[in-house]
Amino acid sequence: MGKVVLKVLDSPNVNFSSLKGAAAQLLSHLGISPKPEATSLAEYLLKNQLQL
């Protein structure tokens, strides 16, 4: 059986540059290439604290 491994991401604050960094980290953990569309979606999910 497979195991679920949870990873903790650095929590972004309102600062735009840290949000970009956290979005890049999220995409990296998910194995998604950092295309502009994927980055925008990751930033939106993190900014609005939506669960993945």
C-alpha atoms as a PDB file:
ATOM      1  CA  MET A   1       0.000   0.000   0.000  1.00  0.00           C
ATOM      2  CA  GLY A   2       1.042   3.579  -0.653  1.00  0.00           C
ATOM      3  CA  LYS A   3       1.625   6.101   2.090  1.00  0.00           C
ATOM      4  CA  VAL A   4       0.461   9.688   2.304  1.00  0.00           C
ATOM      5  CA  VAL A   5       3.301  12.059   3.049  1.00  0.00           C
ATOM      6  CA  LEU A   6       2.390  15.556   4.191  1.00  0.00           C
ATOM      7  CA  LYS A   7       4.734  18.493   3.631  1.00  0.00           C
ATOM      8  CA  VAL A   8       4.603  21.840   5.365  1.00  0.00           C
ATOM      9  CA  LEU A   9       4.931  24.917   3.189  1.00  0.00           C
ATOM     10  CA  ASP A  10       6.183  28.244   4.461  1.00  0.00           C
ATOM     11  CA  SER A  11       3.109  30.294   5.236  1.00  0.00           C
ATOM     12  CA  PRO A  12       2.847  33.316   2.956  1.00  0.00           C
ATOM     13  CA  ASN A  13       1.846  36.626   4.461  1.00  0.00           C
ATOM     14  CA  VAL A  14       0.445  39.579   2.592  1.00  0.00           C
ATOM     15  CA  ASN A  15       3.881  40.311   1.080  1.00  0.00           C
ATOM     16  CA  PHE A  16       3.680  39.662  -2.680  1.00  0.00           C
ATOM     17  CA  SER A  17       7.242  38.317  -3.013  1.00  0.00           C
ATOM     18  CA  SER A  18       6.780  35.673  -0.296  1.00  0.00           C
ATOM     19  CA  LEU A  19       3.496  34.606  -1.906  1.00  0.00           C
ATOM     20  CA  LYS A  20       5.350  34.043  -5.198  1.00  0.00           C
ATOM     21  CA  GLY A  21       7.952  31.971  -3.350  1.00  0.00           C
ATOM     22  CA  ALA A  22       5.327  29.867  -1.597  1.00  0.00           C
ATOM     23  CA  ALA A  23       3.500  29.346  -4.908  1.00  0.00           C
ATOM     24  CA  ALA A  24       6.736  28.182  -6.536  1.00  0.00           C
ATOM     25  CA  GLN A  25       7.317  25.826  -3.602  1.00  0.00           C
ATOM     26  CA  LEU A  26       3.784  24.429  -3.907  1.00  0.00           C
ATOM     27  CA  LEU A  27       4.175  23.786  -7.637  1.00  0.00           C
ATOM     28  CA  SER A  28       7.510  22.100  -7.012  1.00  0.00           C
ATOM     29  CA  HIS A  29       6.032  19.804  -4.345  1.00  0.00           C
ATOM     30  CA  LEU A  30       3.172  18.889  -6.675  1.00  0.00           C
ATOM     31  CA  GLY A  31       5.530  18.257  -9.595  1.00  0.00           C
ATOM     32  CA  ILE A  32       3.871  20.891 -11.785  1.00  0.00           C
ATOM     33  CA  SER A  33       5.971  22.956 -14.185  1.00  0.00           C
ATOM     34  CA  PRO A  34       5.949  26.641 -13.194  1.00  0.00           C
ATOM     35  CA  LYS A  35       4.032  28.006 -16.162  1.00  0.00           C
ATOM     36  CA  PRO A  36       2.383  31.421 -15.654  1.00  0.00           C
ATOM     37  CA  GLU A  37      -1.104  29.878 -15.484  1.00  0.00           C
ATOM     38  CA  ALA A  38      -0.086  27.320 -12.851  1.00  0.00           C
ATOM     39  CA  THR A  39       1.723  29.974 -10.831  1.00  0.00           C
ATOM     40  CA  SER A  40      -1.323  32.257 -10.883  1.00  0.00           C
ATOM     41  CA  LEU A  41      -3.567  29.419  -9.735  1.00  0.00           C
ATOM     42  CA  ALA A  42      -1.182  28.450  -6.919  1.00  0.00           C
ATOM     43  CA  GLU A  43      -0.970  32.083  -5.780  1.00  0.00           C
ATOM     44  CA  TYR A  44      -4.776  32.323  -5.793  1.00  0.00           C
ATOM     45  CA  LEU A  45      -5.141  29.122  -3.753  1.00  0.00           C
ATOM     46  CA  LEU A  46      -2.570  30.266  -1.200  1.00  0.00           C
ATOM     47  CA  LYS A  47      -3.821  33.856  -0.984  1.00  0.00           C
ATOM     48  CA  ASN A  48      -7.387  32.720  -0.356  1.00  0.00           C
ATOM     49  CA  GLN A  49      -6.251  29.845   1.898  1.00  0.00           C
ATOM     50  CA  LEU A  50      -8.187  27.250  -0.076  1.00  0.00           C
ATOM     51  CA  GLN A  51      -7.555  23.638   0.882  1.00  0.00           C
ATOM     52  CA  LEU A  52      -5.860  21.384  -1.624  1.00  0.00           C
END
